[in-house]
Amino acid sequence: MMPDETSKDFIPVRIAVLTVSDSRTLAEDRSGDTLVGRIEGAGHVLAARDILPDERDAIAARLRAWIADPAIDAILTTGGTGLTGRDVTVEAHRDVYEKEIEAFATVFTIVSMQKIGTSAVQSRATGGVAGGTYLFALPGSPGACKDAWDEILAAQFDYRHRPCNFVEIMPRLDEHLRRK
């Protein structure tokens, strides 16, 4: 469904991008660049950007630090979602999730199937929420990052999107932490 641009104003989301790679530098980070270009192109704010090796504890620590930062609303990671022994991004995400967004993986698989067929089964893309922050682990290819943003996240991070979107429920993501 397309945004209803007449009834609501756009609300920029502050999004951090973390690339997980043992071999890339920020200068060679095409997947991170793809996400940054789409985030900024949509009118959102790049809140932080970094690159870390495929180390579960280091990834989880960075996620926790960014979750604790009130200037970050969402975190997108790219890389480390495959099936090899060094692919630990999904486990690091699940170490910090309070709630997993299972349907994100399902919808991402549907989108991927249209592009790469049954090879989509090799992706373990995931999404979740922790400390009032959205987290999404995307595969490490620019194409997968483009597909995740263009087909799912762009709409869900647009406050004008109907019938519902991630932005409108952001103020309530951490309500359980505020209860007495």
Protein backbone atom coordinates (compact mmCIF):
# COMPACT_ATOMS: atom_id res chain seq x y z
CA MET A 1 0.00 0.00 0.00
CA MET A 2 1.30 3.46 -0.85
CA PRO A 3 1.74 6.27 1.66
CA ASP A 4 -1.21 8.57 2.16
CA GLU A 5 0.74 11.79 1.77
CA THR A 6 -2.19 14.10 2.46
CA SER A 7 -3.16 13.19 6.00
CA LYS A 8 0.16 13.01 7.90
CA ASP A 9 3.52 14.74 7.87
CA PHE A 10 6.68 12.72 7.27
CA ILE A 11 8.65 11.95 10.45
CA PRO A 12 12.36 11.27 9.94
CA VAL A 13 13.67 8.16 11.71
CA ARG A 14 17.22 8.15 13.13
CA ILE A 15 18.85 5.00 11.76
CA ALA A 16 22.28 3.49 12.49
CA VAL A 17 24.02 1.20 10.00
CA LEU A 18 26.44 -1.52 11.08
CA THR A 19 28.29 -3.61 8.51
CA VAL A 20 29.55 -6.97 9.73
CA SER A 21 32.53 -8.20 7.75
CA ASP A 22 35.93 -9.78 8.34
CA SER A 23 37.23 -8.49 5.02
CA ARG A 24 35.66 -5.11 4.16
CA THR A 25 36.54 -1.59 5.23
CA LEU A 26 34.13 1.34 5.26
CA ALA A 27 35.70 2.50 1.99
CA GLU A 28 34.71 -0.82 0.35
CA ASP A 29 31.33 -1.18 2.06
CA ARG A 30 28.91 -1.24 -0.89
CA SER A 31 26.07 -2.75 1.19
CA GLY A 32 26.39 -0.10 3.90
CA ASP A 33 26.61 2.58 1.20
CA THR A 34 23.41 1.20 -0.36
CA LEU A 35 21.57 1.49 2.96
CA VAL A 36 22.95 4.96 3.75
CA GLY A 37 21.92 6.24 0.31
CA ARG A 38 18.40 4.92 0.73
CA ILE A 39 18.05 6.12 4.34
CA GLU A 40 19.14 9.65 3.48
CA GLY A 41 17.33 9.63 0.13
CA ALA A 42 14.07 8.88 1.95
CA GLY A 43 14.59 11.85 4.30
CA HIS A 44 15.69 9.88 7.35
CA VAL A 45 18.79 10.63 9.46
CA LEU A 46 21.93 8.50 9.46
CA ALA A 47 22.48 8.41 13.23
CA ALA A 48 25.68 6.33 13.24
CA ARG A 49 27.71 4.04 11.02
CA ASP A 50 30.41 1.50 11.73
CA ILE A 51 31.94 -1.77 10.58
CA LEU A 52 32.84 -4.71 12.82
CA PRO A 53 34.27 -8.18 12.23
CA ASP A 54 32.11 -11.30 12.53
CA GLU A 55 32.41 -11.55 16.32
CA ARG A 56 29.15 -12.27 18.14
CA ASP A 57 30.03 -10.54 21.43
CA ALA A 58 31.35 -7.41 19.69
CA ILE A 59 28.26 -7.17 17.49
CA ALA A 60 25.91 -7.62 20.46
CA ALA A 61 27.87 -5.02 22.45
CA ARG A 62 27.57 -2.46 19.63
CA LEU A 63 23.85 -3.21 19.28
CA ARG A 64 23.37 -2.69 23.04
CA ALA A 65 25.31 0.59 22.97
CA TRP A 66 23.23 1.89 20.07
CA ILE A 67 20.00 0.67 21.70
CA ALA A 68 20.94 2.68 24.79
CA ASP A 69 21.54 5.82 22.70
CA PRO A 70 18.39 7.97 22.67
CA ALA A 71 19.51 9.50 19.35
CA ILE A 72 19.02 6.15 17.55
CA ASP A 73 15.55 4.82 16.67
CA ALA A 74 16.54 1.88 14.48
CA ILE A 75 19.60 -0.21 13.64
CA LEU A 76 20.22 -1.93 10.32
CA THR A 77 23.04 -4.44 10.12
CA THR A 78 24.31 -5.94 6.90
CA GLY A 79 26.36 -9.11 6.68
CA GLY A 80 26.75 -12.26 8.72
CA THR A 81 23.27 -13.67 8.11
CA GLY A 82 24.29 -16.73 6.11
CA LEU A 83 24.96 -20.32 7.07
CA THR A 84 28.74 -20.44 7.41
CA GLY A 85 30.57 -20.77 10.71
CA ARG A 86 31.57 -17.08 10.78
CA ASP A 87 27.97 -15.88 10.21
CA VAL A 88 26.94 -14.84 13.74
CA THR A 89 25.01 -11.60 13.23
CA VAL A 90 21.62 -13.28 13.69
CA GLU A 91 22.76 -14.83 16.98
CA ALA A 92 24.07 -11.44 18.16
CA HIS A 93 20.74 -9.83 17.30
CA ARG A 94 18.82 -12.51 19.17
CA ASP A 95 21.12 -11.99 22.17
CA VAL A 96 19.64 -8.49 22.52
CA TYR A 97 16.05 -8.80 21.23
CA GLU A 98 13.18 -8.37 23.63
CA LYS A 99 10.76 -9.30 20.85
CA GLU A 100 11.46 -10.81 17.47
CA ILE A 101 9.55 -9.60 14.42
CA GLU A 102 9.13 -13.03 12.82
CA ALA A 103 7.11 -11.72 9.88
CA PHE A 104 10.08 -9.63 8.71
CA ALA A 105 12.02 -12.79 7.86
CA THR A 106 8.98 -14.23 6.11
CA VAL A 107 8.32 -11.13 4.01
CA PHE A 108 12.03 -10.78 3.22
CA THR A 109 12.07 -14.38 2.01
CA ILE A 110 9.07 -13.71 -0.24
CA VAL A 111 10.80 -10.63 -1.70
CA SER A 112 14.05 -12.60 -2.15
CA MET A 113 12.28 -15.51 -3.84
CA GLN A 114 11.13 -13.11 -6.56
CA LYS A 115 14.75 -12.08 -7.19
CA ILE A 116 16.92 -15.16 -6.49
CA GLY A 117 14.50 -18.07 -6.39
CA THR A 118 15.11 -20.88 -3.96
CA SER A 119 18.54 -19.48 -3.01
CA ALA A 120 16.50 -17.28 -0.65
CA VAL A 121 16.47 -20.18 1.83
CA GLN A 122 20.13 -19.46 2.60
CA SER A 123 19.34 -16.08 4.18
CA ARG A 124 18.59 -15.74 7.87
CA ALA A 125 17.48 -12.11 7.77
CA THR A 126 15.77 -11.17 11.01
CA GLY A 127 14.15 -8.27 12.82
CA GLY A 128 13.33 -7.42 16.39
CA VAL A 129 12.86 -4.78 19.05
CA ALA A 130 14.89 -3.97 22.15
CA GLY A 131 14.86 -0.95 24.44
CA GLY A 132 12.43 0.87 22.17
CA THR A 133 14.75 0.43 19.16
CA TYR A 134 14.07 -1.50 15.96
CA LEU A 135 16.81 -3.87 14.79
CA PHE A 136 17.07 -5.57 11.42
CA ALA A 137 19.80 -7.96 10.27
CA LEU A 138 20.12 -7.96 6.48
CA PRO A 139 22.32 -10.05 4.20
CA GLY A 140 25.65 -8.58 3.14
CA SER A 141 24.92 -8.00 -0.54
CA PRO A 142 23.92 -4.61 -1.93
CA GLY A 143 21.03 -6.27 -3.78
CA ALA A 144 19.62 -7.78 -0.59
CA CYS A 145 19.95 -4.43 1.21
CA LYS A 146 18.22 -2.69 -1.69
CA ASP A 147 15.40 -5.25 -1.67
CA ALA A 148 14.90 -5.09 2.11
CA TRP A 149 14.77 -1.30 2.06
CA ASP A 150 12.78 -0.79 -1.13
CA GLU A 151 10.25 -3.56 -0.58
CA ILE A 152 9.75 -3.52 3.22
CA LEU A 153 11.56 -0.97 5.34
CA ALA A 154 10.93 2.16 3.24
CA ALA A 155 7.18 1.78 3.75
CA GLN A 156 7.36 0.66 7.37
CA PHE A 157 9.61 3.59 8.31
CA ASP A 158 7.21 6.03 6.61
CA TYR A 159 4.73 7.48 9.11
CA ARG A 160 2.28 8.12 6.25
CA HIS A 161 2.09 4.45 5.22
CA ARG A 162 -1.32 2.81 5.62
CA PRO A 163 -2.81 0.80 7.19
CA CYS A 164 0.02 0.81 9.75
CA ASN A 165 3.77 1.37 10.08
CA PHE A 166 6.66 1.05 12.52
CA VAL A 167 6.90 4.80 13.17
CA GLU A 168 3.42 5.19 14.66
CA ILE A 169 4.10 2.58 17.34
CA MET A 170 7.63 3.74 18.20
CA PRO A 171 6.50 5.68 21.28
CA ARG A 172 5.02 2.48 22.71
CA LEU A 173 7.90 0.07 22.02
CA ASP A 174 9.39 0.55 25.47
CA GLU A 175 6.19 1.07 27.48
CA HIS A 176 6.91 -2.11 29.47
CA LEU A 177 10.12 -0.46 30.71
CA ARG A 178 8.18 2.55 32.01
CA ARG A 179 5.52 0.64 33.96
CA LYS A 180 5.61 0.75 37.73
